[in-house]
Amino acid sequence: MLMVRRRLMAFLCAMPGPMAAPLSACGGATRADISSQLLQAIQGPLKESLDSGIFSSRSGTIVAEASTTYTLADTGYETRVFSGRLSRTGINMVMPADFYPADYATIGLKLSAATSPGLKRTAQFLVRVNDRVVTSYPFRNTAGEQFDGKLIELPLRAFRPGNNKVELLAELPVDADETCAPEARDDATPRFILLQDTKIEIPALARIGRLPDIGALAGTAYPYADGRPFDIFVERPDAQSAGAALTMLSRLALAARNPLNADIRLGAASPSGDRNALVITTQNAFADLGTAGKGGFPTDALQPMAASLADVDPIRTATIGGGVFASSPVPDNDGDLTALLDAFRKSTTRPQDTLSFTSKLQDWFSGAGAFSANG
C-alpha cells in the first residue's frame, strides 16, 4: 500500500498547473508522512477540481435513496426549449447496492413540461431504462398541452443495483416532417419544453445482498465501500497484473466516491473469515483452472452446503424504509419557470383562423369553464 501511495504522490507532483501537488508534498519516508501530505494536497490545491468533478452533486447523476424525492435540477439539468423531432434527456441513476428489483413498487416520474400546437397524433413521451423502453405516454392534444406534475410510473423491475441509464424521450413529429423539404421546416418555433422541476420519487425499497453483483460493484463499489479493510491479491507480480490491480482500485474508489481501505498483497490468495478480498489473476491462470476441471477447485468448495442457525449471513443489508417521501431541497425558481412557460406558449400560439374546428371548440369550453369558476 505504501508503494501505491508513493506512485500517487509522484503522479500528483508531475502534474502541471493547479492540479499539481505542492512541492512539500512530494517527499516522505514513512506511511504516516505520505498519508499526511496526500491529505494536505487533496484538501488544498486539489479540492476545487475534485468538488467540480467526481464529488460534484450536479454531474448528471442521482444517487438514489429510498423514500426520497429528486428533481432534474439535482442532476445539473436546466430547463430548455426543444424545436426538433426527438428530444432526449439522459441521466444516470445509481440504485443502492443491495436494492432488490421486482414488481412491488414503482418509481414516480412527475412530469413538468408542455407541448406546442400542431404536433401529430403519434407524438408521445417515452422513458427508456438501460436501453429498454419501460413506459410511454401519448401527447393526444394536438392543440398543445401543459403537464404540471403528470405522474408516469416506472417499474422497479427495470432497474438494477448500481448504475442505471435513464433516458427521457419526446417524439415530436409535425406534418412538415413528412416531406424532405428544408425550406418547409420552422426551427424557430419550439415543439417541447421540459422543466427542471420534473420530479423523480423513489419509493421504499426492498433490500437483499447478492454476491457477486457486477452492476453493484461498478456502481457503488459494493461490498468494498463501507470503510472496512480488504485485501487485493496479485497472484503473479508482473507489470500487467500490478497495473490491473491499481486500475481496479482507482475505479472502485471513483465508484464509491471515497478512498478505499485496501492492502495490496503479492502471492496466492489466502482465505480470511473477517475480510473481503479481490484476486487479480491472469488469463493463463483461468485457462489452467479450466484444464484441471473440478480437481483444480479447493476440496471444501465442492462439499454440500449445510445451513445451521449458527451460520449467520455476514452481509449487512438495509431494511424496507417507511414514512413519507423526504423531498430534497429545491431552489425557489417558480417565477423563472413560469416565465419560461409563458414565453413558450407565446412562441407557439397559432392564429385563430389556422386552428381546426375541434381546437376552437376546446378553447371555447376551456374559456367557459374558467368563466364559470370565476363567476
Protein backbone atom coordinates (compact mmCIF):
# COMPACT_ATOMS: atom_id res chain seq x y z
CA MET A 1 0.00 0.00 0.00
CA LEU A 2 2.96 2.30 0.67
CA MET A 3 4.11 1.74 -2.91
CA VAL A 4 0.65 2.74 -4.22
CA ARG A 5 0.63 5.96 -2.22
CA ARG A 6 4.14 6.87 -3.40
CA ARG A 7 3.09 6.31 -7.01
CA LEU A 8 0.07 8.54 -6.47
CA MET A 9 2.21 11.27 -4.93
CA ALA A 10 4.67 11.02 -7.84
CA PHE A 11 1.74 11.37 -10.24
CA LEU A 12 0.40 14.46 -8.44
CA CYS A 13 3.83 16.08 -8.31
CA ALA A 14 4.33 15.54 -12.03
CA MET A 15 1.01 17.17 -12.99
CA PRO A 16 1.17 20.70 -14.38
CA GLY A 17 -0.97 23.65 -13.37
CA PRO A 18 -3.39 23.90 -10.43
CA MET A 19 -3.78 20.11 -10.19
CA ALA A 20 -0.13 19.69 -9.16
CA ALA A 21 0.59 18.85 -5.56
CA PRO A 22 2.76 21.32 -3.60
CA LEU A 23 6.47 20.64 -3.60
CA SER A 24 6.38 19.99 0.14
CA ALA A 25 4.07 17.04 -0.52
CA CYS A 26 6.43 15.36 -2.96
CA GLY A 27 8.53 13.60 -0.36
CA GLY A 28 8.10 11.46 2.70
CA ALA A 29 9.77 8.38 4.04
CA THR A 30 7.05 6.77 6.11
CA ARG A 31 3.45 5.83 5.55
CA ALA A 32 2.30 8.47 8.03
CA ASP A 33 4.27 11.20 6.20
CA ILE A 34 2.88 10.23 2.81
CA SER A 35 -0.69 9.95 4.14
CA SER A 36 -0.49 13.35 5.79
CA GLN A 37 0.97 15.07 2.73
CA LEU A 38 -1.50 13.38 0.39
CA LEU A 39 -4.41 14.52 2.59
CA GLN A 40 -2.98 18.04 2.58
CA ALA A 41 -2.85 18.04 -1.22
CA ILE A 42 -6.43 16.76 -1.54
CA GLN A 43 -7.76 19.35 0.90
CA GLY A 44 -5.68 22.10 -0.66
CA PRO A 45 -4.93 22.65 -4.37
CA LEU A 46 -6.93 19.57 -5.49
CA LYS A 47 -10.14 20.40 -3.60
CA GLU A 48 -11.65 22.72 -6.19
CA SER A 49 -11.05 20.26 -9.03
CA LEU A 50 -12.45 17.32 -7.04
CA ASP A 51 -15.52 19.27 -5.90
CA SER A 52 -16.33 20.18 -9.50
CA GLY A 53 -15.57 16.68 -10.78
CA ILE A 54 -16.17 13.33 -9.12
CA PHE A 55 -17.53 14.89 -5.90
CA SER A 56 -19.94 17.19 -7.70
CA SER A 57 -23.61 16.68 -6.81
CA ARG A 58 -24.71 18.13 -10.16
CA SER A 59 -22.93 15.81 -12.57
CA GLY A 60 -25.89 14.20 -14.34
CA THR A 61 -26.17 11.53 -11.64
CA ILE A 62 -28.77 10.77 -8.99
CA VAL A 63 -27.53 8.61 -6.11
CA ALA A 64 -30.95 7.23 -5.20
CA GLU A 65 -32.00 6.78 -1.59
CA ALA A 66 -35.22 5.08 -0.54
CA SER A 67 -38.29 7.29 0.12
CA THR A 68 -36.61 10.38 -1.32
CA THR A 69 -37.69 12.86 -3.99
CA TYR A 70 -35.27 14.38 -6.52
CA THR A 71 -35.65 16.82 -9.40
CA LEU A 72 -33.90 17.07 -12.74
CA ALA A 73 -32.24 20.19 -11.37
CA ASP A 74 -30.41 17.96 -8.88
CA THR A 75 -28.55 16.40 -11.83
CA GLY A 76 -27.47 19.76 -13.23
CA TYR A 77 -30.21 19.84 -15.87
CA GLU A 78 -31.55 23.29 -16.76
CA THR A 79 -34.88 23.97 -18.41
CA ARG A 80 -34.52 24.09 -22.16
CA VAL A 81 -36.82 24.51 -25.17
CA PHE A 82 -36.62 21.98 -27.99
CA SER A 83 -37.52 22.55 -31.66
CA GLY A 84 -36.65 19.23 -33.33
CA ARG A 85 -38.34 15.88 -33.85
CA LEU A 86 -36.78 13.90 -30.98
CA SER A 87 -35.88 15.35 -27.58
CA ARG A 88 -33.56 13.24 -25.43
CA THR A 89 -32.54 13.92 -21.84
CA GLY A 90 -30.30 11.37 -20.15
CA ILE A 91 -29.40 10.88 -16.50
CA ASN A 92 -27.53 8.22 -14.55
CA MET A 93 -29.41 6.79 -11.56
CA VAL A 94 -27.35 4.86 -9.03
CA MET A 95 -29.57 2.47 -7.08
CA PRO A 96 -28.43 1.08 -3.70
CA ALA A 97 -26.04 -1.85 -3.89
CA ASP A 98 -28.43 -4.19 -2.08
CA PHE A 99 -31.56 -2.98 -3.90
CA TYR A 100 -33.95 -5.79 -4.85
CA PRO A 101 -35.66 -5.20 -8.25
CA ALA A 102 -39.20 -6.61 -8.52
CA ASP A 103 -42.80 -5.51 -9.08
CA TYR A 104 -43.59 -4.44 -5.52
CA ALA A 105 -43.49 -0.67 -6.20
CA THR A 106 -42.80 1.90 -8.92
CA ILE A 107 -40.62 4.97 -9.25
CA GLY A 108 -42.82 8.01 -9.82
CA LEU A 109 -41.80 10.46 -12.54
CA LYS A 110 -43.86 13.65 -12.13
CA LEU A 111 -43.55 15.34 -15.50
CA SER A 112 -43.45 19.13 -15.71
CA ALA A 113 -43.47 20.02 -19.39
CA ALA A 114 -45.51 21.49 -22.26
CA THR A 115 -46.07 20.73 -25.94
CA SER A 116 -46.81 23.14 -28.77
CA PRO A 117 -49.83 23.12 -31.09
CA GLY A 118 -49.53 21.28 -34.38
CA LEU A 119 -47.97 18.01 -33.24
CA LYS A 120 -49.23 14.87 -34.94
CA ARG A 121 -51.28 12.33 -33.01
CA THR A 122 -48.31 9.96 -33.00
CA ALA A 123 -46.38 12.30 -30.68
CA GLN A 124 -45.50 10.65 -27.39
CA PHE A 125 -43.27 10.70 -24.32
CA LEU A 126 -41.08 7.66 -23.67
CA VAL A 127 -38.90 6.58 -20.77
CA ARG A 128 -36.06 4.20 -21.54
CA VAL A 129 -34.13 2.44 -18.76
CA ASN A 130 -30.93 0.59 -19.60
CA ASP A 131 -31.74 0.81 -23.34
CA ARG A 132 -35.25 -0.63 -22.96
CA VAL A 133 -38.50 1.34 -23.22
CA VAL A 134 -40.37 0.78 -19.95
CA THR A 135 -43.33 3.16 -20.39
CA SER A 136 -44.89 5.61 -22.83
CA TYR A 137 -47.43 8.41 -22.64
CA PRO A 138 -49.15 9.77 -25.80
CA PHE A 139 -49.46 13.50 -26.43
CA ARG A 140 -53.09 13.34 -27.55
CA ASN A 141 -53.93 17.04 -27.61
CA THR A 142 -52.81 18.37 -30.99
CA ALA A 143 -53.57 21.91 -29.83
CA GLY A 144 -50.78 21.69 -27.25
CA GLU A 145 -50.96 20.89 -23.56
CA GLN A 146 -49.22 21.59 -20.30
CA PHE A 147 -48.22 18.98 -17.68
CA ASP A 148 -47.97 20.07 -14.08
CA GLY A 149 -46.62 17.01 -12.30
CA LYS A 150 -48.18 14.37 -14.55
CA LEU A 151 -47.44 11.02 -12.85
CA ILE A 152 -45.66 8.44 -15.02
CA GLU A 153 -44.82 5.20 -13.22
CA LEU A 154 -41.56 3.37 -13.86
CA PRO A 155 -41.45 -0.31 -12.78
CA LEU A 156 -38.71 -1.20 -10.33
CA ARG A 157 -38.03 -4.43 -12.20
CA ALA A 158 -36.43 -2.35 -14.98
CA PHE A 159 -33.70 -1.11 -12.64
CA ARG A 160 -30.71 -2.91 -11.16
CA PRO A 161 -28.27 -2.28 -8.31
CA GLY A 162 -25.63 0.25 -9.23
CA ASN A 163 -25.67 2.35 -12.41
CA ASN A 164 -28.84 2.72 -14.49
CA LYS A 165 -29.05 4.73 -17.69
CA VAL A 166 -32.39 6.60 -17.77
CA GLU A 167 -33.46 8.47 -20.92
CA LEU A 168 -36.47 10.79 -21.19
CA LEU A 169 -37.52 10.89 -24.85
CA ALA A 170 -40.14 13.05 -26.55
CA GLU A 171 -41.13 12.14 -30.12
CA LEU A 172 -42.48 15.35 -31.65
CA PRO A 173 -43.49 14.86 -35.32
CA VAL A 174 -45.34 17.54 -37.31
CA ASP A 175 -46.83 17.47 -40.82
CA ALA A 176 -43.83 19.30 -42.28
CA ASP A 177 -41.60 16.36 -41.32
CA GLU A 178 -43.34 14.16 -43.92
CA THR A 179 -41.66 15.97 -46.81
CA CYS A 180 -37.93 16.25 -47.22
CA ALA A 181 -38.01 19.99 -47.80
CA PRO A 182 -35.63 22.01 -45.63
CA GLU A 183 -37.39 25.27 -46.52
CA ALA A 184 -40.64 23.92 -45.05
CA ARG A 185 -39.10 23.39 -41.62
CA ASP A 186 -39.60 26.02 -38.96
CA ASP A 187 -36.89 25.52 -36.38
CA ALA A 188 -37.70 28.90 -34.85
CA THR A 189 -40.95 27.53 -33.42
CA PRO A 190 -40.36 25.26 -30.42
CA ARG A 191 -42.24 21.98 -30.04
CA PHE A 192 -41.48 20.93 -26.47
CA ILE A 193 -40.22 22.29 -23.17
CA LEU A 194 -39.06 20.09 -20.27
CA LEU A 195 -38.84 21.88 -16.93
CA GLN A 196 -36.08 21.27 -14.44
CA ASP A 197 -38.56 20.81 -11.57
CA THR A 198 -39.71 17.46 -13.03
CA LYS A 199 -39.62 15.17 -10.01
CA ILE A 200 -38.38 11.62 -9.51
CA GLU A 201 -39.84 9.93 -6.44
CA ILE A 202 -38.02 6.86 -5.11
CA PRO A 203 -40.32 4.57 -3.08
CA ALA A 204 -39.46 2.39 -0.10
CA LEU A 205 -37.07 -0.26 -1.40
CA ALA A 206 -36.65 -3.90 -0.51
CA ARG A 207 -33.04 -4.85 0.18
CA ILE A 208 -31.21 -8.11 -0.39
CA GLY A 209 -27.46 -8.60 -0.63
CA ARG A 210 -26.33 -10.69 -3.60
CA LEU A 211 -22.75 -11.57 -4.44
CA PRO A 212 -21.27 -11.37 -6.91
CA ASP A 213 -23.20 -8.48 -8.47
CA ILE A 214 -21.19 -6.76 -11.20
CA GLY A 215 -23.70 -3.88 -11.51
CA ALA A 216 -23.40 -3.01 -7.82
CA LEU A 217 -19.62 -3.43 -7.93
CA ALA A 218 -19.32 -0.96 -10.80
CA GLY A 219 -21.91 1.48 -9.48
CA THR A 220 -21.16 1.68 -5.76
CA ALA A 221 -18.02 -0.45 -5.18
CA TYR A 222 -20.16 -2.87 -3.15
CA PRO A 223 -19.15 -4.51 -0.82
CA TYR A 224 -15.81 -2.71 -0.52
CA ALA A 225 -17.05 0.84 0.15
CA ASP A 226 -18.17 0.51 3.77
CA GLY A 227 -14.79 1.52 5.21
CA ARG A 228 -13.76 -1.93 6.38
CA PRO A 229 -10.26 -3.07 5.27
CA PHE A 230 -9.97 -5.60 2.48
CA ASP A 231 -7.17 -7.28 0.53
CA ILE A 232 -6.22 -7.14 -3.14
CA PHE A 233 -4.19 -10.23 -4.02
CA VAL A 234 -1.91 -10.03 -7.06
CA GLU A 235 -1.16 -13.67 -7.73
CA ARG A 236 1.50 -13.04 -10.39
CA PRO A 237 3.58 -9.95 -9.53
CA ASP A 238 4.26 -8.78 -13.08
CA ALA A 239 3.71 -5.32 -14.53
CA GLN A 240 0.37 -6.16 -16.18
CA SER A 241 -1.13 -7.67 -13.01
CA ALA A 242 0.07 -4.78 -10.83
CA GLY A 243 -1.36 -2.30 -13.33
CA ALA A 244 -4.70 -4.14 -13.34
CA ALA A 245 -4.80 -4.07 -9.53
CA LEU A 246 -4.13 -0.32 -9.36
CA THR A 247 -6.68 0.37 -12.11
CA MET A 248 -9.31 -1.70 -10.30
CA LEU A 249 -8.60 0.08 -7.02
CA SER A 250 -8.87 3.55 -8.59
CA ARG A 251 -12.13 2.74 -10.37
CA LEU A 252 -13.64 1.29 -7.22
CA ALA A 253 -12.66 4.44 -5.34
CA LEU A 254 -14.32 6.58 -8.02
CA ALA A 255 -17.49 4.48 -7.82
CA ALA A 256 -17.52 4.70 -4.03
CA ARG A 257 -16.63 8.43 -4.08
CA ASN A 258 -14.29 7.71 -1.19
CA PRO A 259 -10.77 6.38 -0.63
CA LEU A 260 -10.79 2.64 -0.02
CA ASN A 261 -9.05 0.86 2.83
CA ALA A 262 -7.22 -1.72 0.73
CA ASP A 263 -3.99 -3.64 1.26
CA ILE A 264 -2.22 -4.97 -1.83
CA ARG A 265 -0.61 -8.38 -1.26
CA LEU A 266 1.63 -10.27 -3.65
CA GLY A 267 1.18 -14.01 -3.97
CA ALA A 268 -1.57 -16.59 -3.88
CA ALA A 269 -4.81 -15.63 -2.20
CA SER A 270 -5.43 -16.96 1.28
CA PRO A 271 -8.97 -17.21 2.67
CA SER A 272 -9.93 -15.00 5.58
CA GLY A 273 -13.16 -15.13 7.52
CA ASP A 274 -13.24 -11.46 8.55
CA ARG A 275 -12.02 -9.62 5.43
CA ASN A 276 -13.29 -9.24 1.89
CA ALA A 277 -10.80 -9.73 -0.92
CA LEU A 278 -10.23 -9.12 -4.63
CA VAL A 279 -8.00 -11.54 -6.51
CA ILE A 280 -6.11 -10.31 -9.58
CA THR A 281 -5.01 -13.23 -11.72
CA THR A 282 -4.17 -13.77 -15.39
CA GLN A 283 -5.90 -15.34 -18.35
CA ASN A 284 -3.40 -18.19 -18.22
CA ALA A 285 -4.44 -18.97 -14.65
CA PHE A 286 -8.07 -19.25 -15.75
CA ALA A 287 -7.02 -21.49 -18.65
CA ASP A 288 -5.07 -23.72 -16.26
CA LEU A 289 -8.07 -23.92 -13.96
CA GLY A 290 -10.35 -24.88 -16.84
CA THR A 291 -7.95 -27.60 -17.97
CA ALA A 292 -7.74 -29.04 -14.45
CA GLY A 293 -11.52 -29.36 -14.22
CA LYS A 294 -13.07 -29.98 -10.82
CA GLY A 295 -9.76 -31.16 -9.48
CA GLY A 296 -8.47 -27.59 -9.62
CA PHE A 297 -11.02 -26.30 -7.14
CA PRO A 298 -10.50 -26.43 -3.37
CA THR A 299 -11.88 -29.60 -1.83
CA ASP A 300 -14.11 -27.80 0.64
CA ALA A 301 -15.73 -25.76 -2.17
CA LEU A 302 -17.29 -28.94 -3.61
CA GLN A 303 -18.88 -30.08 -0.34
CA PRO A 304 -22.64 -29.62 0.06
CA MET A 305 -23.58 -26.50 1.97
CA ALA A 306 -25.02 -27.28 5.39
CA ALA A 307 -27.02 -24.38 6.79
CA SER A 308 -27.48 -24.01 10.51
CA LEU A 309 -28.69 -21.36 12.89
CA ALA A 310 -25.10 -20.61 13.80
CA ASP A 311 -24.18 -19.77 10.18
CA VAL A 312 -25.23 -16.13 10.04
CA ASP A 313 -25.06 -14.28 6.75
CA PRO A 314 -22.15 -11.82 7.21
CA ILE A 315 -23.51 -9.37 4.65
CA ARG A 316 -25.23 -6.44 6.32
CA THR A 317 -28.16 -5.11 4.31
CA ALA A 318 -30.68 -2.37 4.89
CA THR A 319 -34.37 -2.88 5.51
CA ILE A 320 -37.52 -1.66 3.86
CA GLY A 321 -37.81 2.00 4.72
CA GLY A 322 -41.03 3.60 5.79
CA GLY A 323 -42.53 7.03 6.09
CA VAL A 324 -43.43 9.64 3.55
CA PHE A 325 -41.24 10.96 0.78
CA ALA A 326 -38.47 13.19 2.02
CA SER A 327 -38.18 15.93 -0.53
CA SER A 328 -34.74 17.20 -1.42
CA PRO A 329 -34.30 20.97 -1.27
CA VAL A 330 -35.45 22.70 -4.46
CA PRO A 331 -34.36 26.22 -5.33
CA ASP A 332 -37.05 28.88 -5.29
CA ASN A 333 -37.25 29.44 -9.02
CA ASP A 334 -41.00 29.10 -9.61
CA GLY A 335 -41.10 32.60 -11.05
CA ASP A 336 -38.41 31.81 -13.61
CA LEU A 337 -40.14 28.57 -14.67
CA THR A 338 -43.49 30.36 -15.02
CA ALA A 339 -41.87 32.99 -17.21
CA LEU A 340 -40.31 30.28 -19.37
CA LEU A 341 -43.69 28.57 -19.78
CA ASP A 342 -45.35 31.87 -20.69
CA ALA A 343 -42.66 32.56 -23.27
CA PHE A 344 -43.06 29.03 -24.66
CA ARG A 345 -46.84 29.46 -25.02
CA LYS A 346 -46.48 32.83 -26.72
CA SER A 347 -43.91 31.49 -29.19
CA THR A 348 -46.11 28.52 -30.10
CA THR A 349 -49.50 30.27 -30.27
CA ARG A 350 -51.14 29.99 -33.68
CA PRO A 351 -53.60 32.50 -35.17
CA GLN A 352 -57.25 31.57 -34.58
CA ASP A 353 -58.03 31.27 -38.28
CA THR A 354 -55.48 28.45 -38.64
CA LEU A 355 -56.95 26.37 -35.83
CA SER A 356 -59.19 23.42 -36.55
CA PHE A 357 -62.86 23.42 -35.52
CA THR A 358 -62.06 20.91 -32.75
CA SER A 359 -59.30 23.10 -31.35
CA LYS A 360 -61.55 26.17 -31.39
CA LEU A 361 -64.27 24.22 -29.62
CA GLN A 362 -61.79 23.05 -26.96
CA ASP A 363 -60.63 26.65 -26.43
CA TRP A 364 -64.24 27.83 -26.09
CA PHE A 365 -65.06 25.19 -23.47
CA SER A 366 -61.83 25.99 -21.60
CA GLY A 367 -62.76 29.65 -21.52
CA ALA A 368 -66.32 28.91 -20.47
CA GLY A 369 -65.09 26.70 -17.62
CA ALA A 370 -62.72 29.38 -16.40
CA PHE A 371 -65.55 31.97 -16.54
CA SER A 372 -67.87 29.71 -14.52
CA ALA A 373 -65.18 29.11 -11.90
CA ASN A 374 -64.52 32.84 -11.53
CA GLY A 375 -68.16 33.97 -11.79
